[in-house]
């Protein structure tokens, strides 16, 4: 699979793909694989944070992972308004 950053022109990358931007992109690491909202942390290599609608039980039961979660209110972000 081609690196994500190679899929778009340099101009498009400069305009849209920057740290802090939110993308809706296919995520093969989830079970099952699906499209997810992701926050871009770095472009090349691509590093993203996944946005989940809820905290999975596996994480909720592990304090060391649970403390890494950040709560977001969907009404505070235009990207979640349909």
PDB file of N, CA and C in Angstrom:
ATOM      1  N   UNK A   1       0.835  -1.175   0.000  1.00  0.00           N
ATOM      2  CA  UNK A   1       0.000   0.000   0.000  1.00  0.00           C
ATOM      3  C   UNK A   1       0.890   1.252   0.000  1.00  0.00           C
ATOM      4  N   UNK A   2       0.549   2.219  -0.789  1.00  0.00           N
ATOM      5  CA  UNK A   2       1.316   3.464  -0.881  1.00  0.00           C
ATOM      6  C   UNK A   2       1.170   4.271   0.400  1.00  0.00           C
ATOM      7  N   UNK A   3       2.232   5.001   0.791  1.00  0.00           N
ATOM      8  CA  UNK A   3       2.113   5.866   1.960  1.00  0.00           C
ATOM      9  C   UNK A   3       0.968   6.862   1.758  1.00  0.00           C
ATOM     10  N   UNK A   4       0.237   7.133   2.825  1.00  0.00           N
ATOM     11  CA  UNK A   4      -0.912   8.029   2.752  1.00  0.00           C
ATOM     12  C   UNK A   4      -0.534   9.369   2.137  1.00  0.00           C
ATOM     13  N   UNK A   5       0.589   9.943   2.554  1.00  0.00           N
ATOM     14  CA  UNK A   5       0.968  11.269   2.079  1.00  0.00           C
ATOM     15  C   UNK A   5       1.251  11.295   0.584  1.00  0.00           C
ATOM     16  N   UNK A   6       1.512  10.143  -0.033  1.00  0.00           N
ATOM     17  CA  UNK A   6       1.787  10.110  -1.471  1.00  0.00           C
ATOM     18  C   UNK A   6       0.504  10.105  -2.300  1.00  0.00           C
ATOM     19  N   UNK A   7      -0.657   9.957  -1.648  1.00  0.00           N
ATOM     20  CA  UNK A   7      -1.912   9.861  -2.373  1.00  0.00           C
ATOM     21  C   UNK A   7      -2.460  11.211  -2.816  1.00  0.00           C
ATOM     22  N   UNK A   8      -1.947  12.288  -2.276  1.00  0.00           N
ATOM     23  CA  UNK A   8      -2.451  13.617  -2.596  1.00  0.00           C
ATOM     24  C   UNK A   8      -1.333  14.508  -3.124  1.00  0.00           C
ATOM     25  N   UNK A   9      -1.717  15.507  -3.887  1.00  0.00           N
ATOM     26  CA  UNK A   9      -0.740  16.458  -4.406  1.00  0.00           C
ATOM     27  C   UNK A   9      -0.131  17.269  -3.266  1.00  0.00           C
ATOM     28  N   UNK A  10       1.041  17.870  -3.512  1.00  0.00           N
ATOM     29  CA  UNK A  10       1.686  18.696  -2.492  1.00  0.00           C
ATOM     30  C   UNK A  10       0.785  19.848  -2.062  1.00  0.00           C
ATOM     31  N   UNK A  11       0.084  20.463  -3.032  1.00  0.00           N
ATOM     32  CA  UNK A  11      -0.791  21.577  -2.700  1.00  0.00           C
ATOM     33  C   UNK A  11      -1.919  21.120  -1.784  1.00  0.00           C
ATOM     34  N   UNK A  12      -2.527  19.980  -2.085  1.00  0.00           N
ATOM     35  CA  UNK A  12      -3.620  19.454  -1.269  1.00  0.00           C
ATOM     36  C   UNK A  12      -3.112  19.120   0.130  1.00  0.00           C
ATOM     37  N   UNK A  13      -1.911  18.544   0.216  1.00  0.00           N
ATOM     38  CA  UNK A  13      -1.336  18.241   1.521  1.00  0.00           C
ATOM     39  C   UNK A  13      -1.169  19.513   2.337  1.00  0.00           C
ATOM     40  N   UNK A  14      -0.645  20.562   1.716  1.00  0.00           N
ATOM     41  CA  UNK A  14      -0.431  21.816   2.429  1.00  0.00           C
ATOM     42  C   UNK A  14      -1.741  22.419   2.895  1.00  0.00           C
ATOM     43  N   UNK A  15      -2.786  22.309   2.070  1.00  0.00           N
ATOM     44  CA  UNK A  15      -4.078  22.913   2.394  1.00  0.00           C
ATOM     45  C   UNK A  15      -4.844  22.136   3.456  1.00  0.00           C
ATOM     46  N   UNK A  16      -4.879  20.828   3.330  1.00  0.00           N
ATOM     47  CA  UNK A  16      -5.772  20.015   4.156  1.00  0.00           C
ATOM     48  C   UNK A  16      -5.070  19.138   5.195  1.00  0.00           C
ATOM     49  N   UNK A  17      -3.937  18.597   4.833  1.00  0.00           N
ATOM     50  CA  UNK A  17      -3.291  17.622   5.702  1.00  0.00           C
ATOM     51  C   UNK A  17      -2.176  18.268   6.498  1.00  0.00           C
ATOM     52  N   UNK A  18      -2.499  18.557   7.736  1.00  0.00           N
ATOM     53  CA  UNK A  18      -1.527  19.165   8.631  1.00  0.00           C
ATOM     54  C   UNK A  18      -1.832  18.645  10.033  1.00  0.00           C
ATOM     55  N   UNK A  19      -0.855  18.654  10.911  1.00  0.00           N
ATOM     56  CA  UNK A  19      -1.133  18.218  12.276  1.00  0.00           C
ATOM     57  C   UNK A  19      -2.304  19.006  12.867  1.00  0.00           C
ATOM     58  N   UNK A  20      -3.212  18.275  13.477  1.00  0.00           N
ATOM     59  CA  UNK A  20      -4.409  18.866  14.057  1.00  0.00           C
ATOM     60  C   UNK A  20      -5.639  18.712  13.185  1.00  0.00           C
ATOM     61  N   UNK A  21      -5.443  18.447  11.892  1.00  0.00           N
ATOM     62  CA  UNK A  21      -6.581  18.253  10.988  1.00  0.00           C
ATOM     63  C   UNK A  21      -7.249  16.915  11.291  1.00  0.00           C
ATOM     64  N   UNK A  22      -8.550  16.854  11.061  1.00  0.00           N
ATOM     65  CA  UNK A  22      -9.311  15.609  11.255  1.00  0.00           C
ATOM     66  C   UNK A  22      -9.682  15.066   9.890  1.00  0.00           C
ATOM     67  N   UNK A  23      -9.413  13.787   9.690  1.00  0.00           N
ATOM     68  CA  UNK A  23      -9.738  13.120   8.431  1.00  0.00           C
ATOM     69  C   UNK A  23     -10.682  11.949   8.712  1.00  0.00           C
ATOM     70  N   UNK A  24     -11.414  11.550   7.699  1.00  0.00           N
ATOM     71  CA  UNK A  24     -12.256  10.352   7.762  1.00  0.00           C
ATOM     72  C   UNK A  24     -11.620   9.393   6.779  1.00  0.00           C
ATOM     73  N   UNK A  25     -10.941   8.368   7.292  1.00  0.00           N
ATOM     74  CA  UNK A  25     -10.079   7.546   6.462  1.00  0.00           C
ATOM     75  C   UNK A  25     -10.212   6.085   6.882  1.00  0.00           C
ATOM     76  N   UNK A  26      -9.983   5.193   5.933  1.00  0.00           N
ATOM     77  CA  UNK A  26     -10.057   3.756   6.194  1.00  0.00           C
ATOM     78  C   UNK A  26      -9.004   3.355   7.222  1.00  0.00           C
ATOM     79  N   UNK A  27      -9.411   2.591   8.200  1.00  0.00           N
ATOM     80  CA  UNK A  27      -8.525   2.172   9.285  1.00  0.00           C
ATOM     81  C   UNK A  27      -8.459   0.651   9.327  1.00  0.00           C
ATOM     82  N   UNK A  28      -7.395   0.068   8.782  1.00  0.00           N
ATOM     83  CA  UNK A  28      -7.297  -1.397   8.727  1.00  0.00           C
ATOM     84  C   UNK A  28      -6.940  -2.045  10.064  1.00  0.00           C
ATOM     85  N   UNK A  29      -6.585  -1.262  11.086  1.00  0.00           N
ATOM     86  CA  UNK A  29      -6.158  -1.850  12.357  1.00  0.00           C
ATOM     87  C   UNK A  29      -7.312  -2.087  13.318  1.00  0.00           C
ATOM     88  N   UNK A  30      -8.522  -1.674  12.966  1.00  0.00           N
ATOM     89  CA  UNK A  30      -9.676  -1.929  13.834  1.00  0.00           C
ATOM     90  C   UNK A  30     -10.283  -3.285  13.495  1.00  0.00           C
ATOM     91  N   UNK A  31     -11.093  -3.803  14.420  1.00  0.00           N
ATOM     92  CA  UNK A  31     -11.777  -5.072  14.189  1.00  0.00           C
ATOM     93  C   UNK A  31     -13.277  -4.828  14.281  1.00  0.00           C
ATOM     94  N   UNK A  32     -13.982  -4.908  13.186  1.00  0.00           N
ATOM     95  CA  UNK A  32     -13.496  -5.105  11.820  1.00  0.00           C
ATOM     96  C   UNK A  32     -12.906  -3.815  11.260  1.00  0.00           C
ATOM     97  N   UNK A  33     -12.088  -3.915  10.214  1.00  0.00           N
ATOM     98  CA  UNK A  33     -11.565  -2.701   9.572  1.00  0.00           C
ATOM     99  C   UNK A  33     -12.725  -1.836   9.083  1.00  0.00           C
ATOM    100  N   UNK A  34     -12.584  -0.512   9.227  1.00  0.00           N
ATOM    101  CA  UNK A  34     -13.664   0.406   8.838  1.00  0.00           C
ATOM    102  C   UNK A  34     -13.118   1.825   8.709  1.00  0.00           C
ATOM    103  N   UNK A  35     -13.950   2.714   8.208  1.00  0.00           N
ATOM    104  CA  UNK A  35     -13.596   4.126   8.141  1.00  0.00           C
ATOM    105  C   UNK A  35     -13.782   4.735   9.531  1.00  0.00           C
ATOM    106  N   UNK A  36     -12.845   5.588   9.932  1.00  0.00           N
ATOM    107  CA  UNK A  36     -12.900   6.233  11.244  1.00  0.00           C
ATOM    108  C   UNK A  36     -12.410   7.670  11.127  1.00  0.00           C
ATOM    109  N   UNK A  37     -12.909   8.515  12.026  1.00  0.00           N
ATOM    110  CA  UNK A  37     -12.333   9.845  12.163  1.00  0.00           C
ATOM    111  C   UNK A  37     -10.992   9.699  12.844  1.00  0.00           C
ATOM    112  N   UNK A  38     -10.005  10.447  12.342  1.00  0.00           N
ATOM    113  CA  UNK A  38      -8.655  10.382  12.877  1.00  0.00           C
ATOM    114  C   UNK A  38      -8.061  11.783  12.921  1.00  0.00           C
ATOM    115  N   UNK A  39      -7.330  12.086  13.975  1.00  0.00           N
ATOM    116  CA  UNK A  39      -6.639  13.367  14.093  1.00  0.00           C
ATOM    117  C   UNK A  39      -5.206  13.166  13.613  1.00  0.00           C
ATOM    118  N   UNK A  40      -4.769  13.990  12.670  1.00  0.00           N
ATOM    119  CA  UNK A  40      -3.402  13.882  12.157  1.00  0.00           C
ATOM    120  C   UNK A  40      -2.434  14.487  13.172  1.00  0.00           C
ATOM    121  N   UNK A  41      -1.425  13.713  13.541  1.00  0.00           N
ATOM    122  CA  UNK A  41      -0.379  14.185  14.436  1.00  0.00           C
ATOM    123  C   UNK A  41       0.906  14.480  13.669  1.00  0.00           C
ATOM    124  N   UNK A  42       1.157  13.723  12.615  1.00  0.00           N
ATOM    125  CA  UNK A  42       2.350  13.887  11.783  1.00  0.00           C
ATOM    126  C   UNK A  42       2.000  13.401  10.380  1.00  0.00           C
ATOM    127  N   UNK A  43       2.610  14.011   9.367  1.00  0.00           N
ATOM    128  CA  UNK A  43       2.300  13.667   7.980  1.00  0.00           C
ATOM    129  C   UNK A  43       3.182  12.542   7.432  1.00  0.00           C
ATOM    130  N   UNK A  44       4.470  12.678   7.548  1.00  0.00           N
ATOM    131  CA  UNK A  44       5.367  11.707   6.922  1.00  0.00           C
ATOM    132  C   UNK A  44       6.498  11.350   7.868  1.00  0.00           C
ATOM    133  N   UNK A  45       6.414  10.222   8.554  1.00  0.00           N
ATOM    134  CA  UNK A  45       5.416   9.175   8.365  1.00  0.00           C
ATOM    135  C   UNK A  45       4.081   9.582   9.002  1.00  0.00           C
ATOM    136  N   UNK A  46       3.008   9.022   8.468  1.00  0.00           N
ATOM    137  CA  UNK A  46       1.680   9.344   8.969  1.00  0.00           C
ATOM    138  C   UNK A  46       1.512   8.802  10.384  1.00  0.00           C
ATOM    139  N   UNK A  47       1.087   9.674  11.281  1.00  0.00           N
ATOM    140  CA  UNK A  47       0.790   9.301  12.665  1.00  0.00           C
ATOM    141  C   UNK A  47      -0.539   9.939  13.003  1.00  0.00           C
ATOM    142  N   UNK A  48      -1.498   9.127  13.415  1.00  0.00           N
ATOM    143  CA  UNK A  48      -2.841   9.624  13.715  1.00  0.00           C
ATOM    144  C   UNK A  48      -3.299   9.124  15.080  1.00  0.00           C
ATOM    145  N   UNK A  49      -4.260   9.833  15.640  1.00  0.00           N
ATOM    146  CA  UNK A  49      -4.987   9.374  16.816  1.00  0.00           C
ATOM    147  C   UNK A  49      -6.387   9.019  16.345  1.00  0.00           C
ATOM    148  N   UNK A  50      -6.884   7.881  16.776  1.00  0.00           N
ATOM    149  CA  UNK A  50      -8.225   7.459  16.384  1.00  0.00           C
ATOM    150  C   UNK A  50      -9.265   8.092  17.301  1.00  0.00           C
ATOM    151  N   UNK A  51     -10.394   8.466  16.716  1.00  0.00           N
ATOM    152  CA  UNK A  51     -11.515   9.000  17.485  1.00  0.00           C
ATOM    153  C   UNK A  51     -12.568   7.902  17.568  1.00  0.00           C
ATOM    154  N   UNK A  52     -12.895   7.520  18.788  1.00  0.00           N
ATOM    155  CA  UNK A  52     -13.885   6.474  19.016  1.00  0.00           C
ATOM    156  C   UNK A  52     -15.144   7.073  19.619  1.00  0.00           C
ATOM    157  N   UNK A  53     -16.277   6.437  19.368  1.00  0.00           N
ATOM    158  CA  UNK A  53     -17.536   6.921  19.920  1.00  0.00           C
ATOM    159  C   UNK A  53     -17.708   6.519  21.386  1.00  0.00           C
ATOM    160  N   UNK A  54     -16.971   5.529  21.811  1.00  0.00           N
ATOM    161  CA  UNK A  54     -17.016   5.102  23.212  1.00  0.00           C
ATOM    162  C   UNK A  54     -15.678   4.464  23.573  1.00  0.00           C
ATOM    163  N   UNK A  55     -15.426   4.365  24.862  1.00  0.00           N
ATOM    164  CA  UNK A  55     -14.197   3.715  25.341  1.00  0.00           C
ATOM    165  C   UNK A  55     -14.456   2.218  25.423  1.00  0.00           C
ATOM    166  N   UNK A  56     -13.637   1.458  24.741  1.00  0.00           N
ATOM    167  CA  UNK A  56     -13.779   0.004  24.710  1.00  0.00           C
ATOM    168  C   UNK A  56     -13.534  -0.570  26.107  1.00  0.00           C
ATOM    169  N   UNK A  57     -14.234  -1.639  26.411  1.00  0.00           N
ATOM    170  CA  UNK A  57     -14.124  -2.298  27.719  1.00  0.00           C
ATOM    171  C   UNK A  57     -12.675  -2.683  28.046  1.00  0.00           C
ATOM    172  N   UNK A  58     -11.928  -3.136  27.045  1.00  0.00           N
ATOM    173  CA  UNK A  58     -10.525  -3.510  27.258  1.00  0.00           C
ATOM    174  C   UNK A  58      -9.739  -2.342  27.847  1.00  0.00           C
ATOM    175  N   UNK A  59      -9.959  -1.136  27.320  1.00  0.00           N
ATOM    176  CA  UNK A  59      -9.256   0.053  27.808  1.00  0.00           C
ATOM    177  C   UNK A  59      -9.833   0.500  29.142  1.00  0.00           C
ATOM    178  N   UNK A  60     -11.148   0.481  29.273  1.00  0.00           N
ATOM    179  CA  UNK A  60     -11.796   0.914  30.510  1.00  0.00           C
ATOM    180  C   UNK A  60     -11.337   0.101  31.716  1.00  0.00           C
ATOM    181  N   UNK A  61     -10.980  -1.151  31.494  1.00  0.00           N
ATOM    182  CA  UNK A  61     -10.546  -2.027  32.586  1.00  0.00           C
ATOM    183  C   UNK A  61      -9.055  -1.952  32.874  1.00  0.00           C
ATOM    184  N   UNK A  62      -8.344  -1.077  32.193  1.00  0.00           N
ATOM    185  CA  UNK A  62      -6.893  -0.952  32.389  1.00  0.00           C
ATOM    186  C   UNK A  62      -6.553   0.508  32.671  1.00  0.00           C
ATOM    187  N   UNK A  63      -6.342   0.844  33.943  1.00  0.00           N
ATOM    188  CA  UNK A  63      -6.093   2.240  34.325  1.00  0.00           C
ATOM    189  C   UNK A  63      -4.954   2.899  33.548  1.00  0.00           C
ATOM    190  N   UNK A  64      -3.927   2.137  33.218  1.00  0.00           N
ATOM    191  CA  UNK A  64      -2.793   2.713  32.480  1.00  0.00           C
ATOM    192  C   UNK A  64      -3.190   3.134  31.068  1.00  0.00           C
ATOM    193  N   UNK A  65      -4.189   2.488  30.492  1.00  0.00           N
ATOM    194  CA  UNK A  65      -4.695   2.881  29.172  1.00  0.00           C
ATOM    195  C   UNK A  65      -5.821   3.907  29.293  1.00  0.00           C
ATOM    196  N   UNK A  66      -6.649   3.751  30.297  1.00  0.00           N
ATOM    197  CA  UNK A  66      -7.782   4.652  30.485  1.00  0.00           C
ATOM    198  C   UNK A  66      -7.326   6.090  30.708  1.00  0.00           C
ATOM    199  N   UNK A  67      -6.221   6.281  31.411  1.00  0.00           N
ATOM    200  CA  UNK A  67      -5.746   7.647  31.661  1.00  0.00           C
ATOM    201  C   UNK A  67      -5.216   8.327  30.396  1.00  0.00           C
ATOM    202  N   UNK A  68      -5.034   7.581  29.330  1.00  0.00           N
ATOM    203  CA  UNK A  68      -4.581   8.144  28.050  1.00  0.00           C
ATOM    204  C   UNK A  68      -5.750   8.628  27.185  1.00  0.00           C
ATOM    205  N   UNK A  69      -6.981   8.383  27.622  1.00  0.00           N
ATOM    206  CA  UNK A  69      -8.153   8.757  26.835  1.00  0.00           C
ATOM    207  C   UNK A  69      -8.497  10.229  27.048  1.00  0.00           C
ATOM    208  N   UNK A  70      -9.005  10.853  26.012  1.00  0.00           N
ATOM    209  CA  UNK A  70      -9.427  12.251  26.073  1.00  0.00           C
ATOM    210  C   UNK A  70     -10.899  12.307  25.671  1.00  0.00           C
ATOM    211  N   UNK A  71     -11.708  12.885  26.522  1.00  0.00           N
ATOM    212  CA  UNK A  71     -13.130  13.000  26.225  1.00  0.00           C
ATOM    213  C   UNK A  71     -13.413  14.175  25.299  1.00  0.00           C
ATOM    214  N   UNK A  72     -14.261  13.952  24.313  1.00  0.00           N
ATOM    215  CA  UNK A  72     -14.690  15.005  23.390  1.00  0.00           C
ATOM    216  C   UNK A  72     -16.213  15.047  23.390  1.00  0.00           C
ATOM    217  N   UNK A  73     -16.763  16.248  23.366  1.00  0.00           N
ATOM    218  CA  UNK A  73     -18.210  16.397  23.218  1.00  0.00           C
ATOM    219  C   UNK A  73     -18.494  16.678  21.758  1.00  0.00           C
ATOM    220  N   UNK A  74     -19.290  15.828  21.139  1.00  0.00           N
ATOM    221  CA  UNK A  74     -19.533  15.965  19.701  1.00  0.00           C
ATOM    222  C   UNK A  74     -20.116  17.325  19.345  1.00  0.00           C
ATOM    223  N   UNK A  75     -20.915  17.918  20.231  1.00  0.00           N
ATOM    224  CA  UNK A  75     -21.501  19.221  19.917  1.00  0.00           C
ATOM    225  C   UNK A  75     -20.472  20.353  19.879  1.00  0.00           C
ATOM    226  N   UNK A  76     -19.277  20.102  20.373  1.00  0.00           N
ATOM    227  CA  UNK A  76     -18.217  21.119  20.360  1.00  0.00           C
ATOM    228  C   UNK A  76     -17.395  21.122  19.071  1.00  0.00           C
ATOM    229  N   UNK A  77     -17.662  20.172  18.173  1.00  0.00           N
ATOM    230  CA  UNK A  77     -16.834  20.024  16.974  1.00  0.00           C
ATOM    231  C   UNK A  77     -17.702  19.946  15.731  1.00  0.00           C
ATOM    232  N   UNK A  78     -17.471  20.851  14.796  1.00  0.00           N
ATOM    233  CA  UNK A  78     -18.245  20.908  13.554  1.00  0.00           C
ATOM    234  C   UNK A  78     -18.142  19.618  12.740  1.00  0.00           C
ATOM    235  N   UNK A  79     -17.024  18.908  12.831  1.00  0.00           N
ATOM    236  CA  UNK A  79     -16.845  17.706  12.015  1.00  0.00           C
ATOM    237  C   UNK A  79     -17.848  16.618  12.360  1.00  0.00           C
ATOM    238  N   UNK A  80     -18.429  16.666  13.552  1.00  0.00           N
ATOM    239  CA  UNK A  80     -19.376  15.643  13.953  1.00  0.00           C
ATOM    240  C   UNK A  80     -20.819  16.038  13.692  1.00  0.00           C
ATOM    241  N   UNK A  81     -21.035  17.222  13.155  1.00  0.00           N
ATOM    242  CA  UNK A  81     -22.391  17.684  12.868  1.00  0.00           C
ATOM    243  C   UNK A  81     -22.774  17.292  11.462  1.00  0.00           C
ATOM    244  N   UNK A  82     -23.825  16.528  11.330  1.00  0.00           N
ATOM    245  CA  UNK A  82     -24.256  16.051  10.012  1.00  0.00           C
ATOM    246  C   UNK A  82     -25.529  16.753   9.612  1.00  0.00           C
TER     247      UNK A  82
END
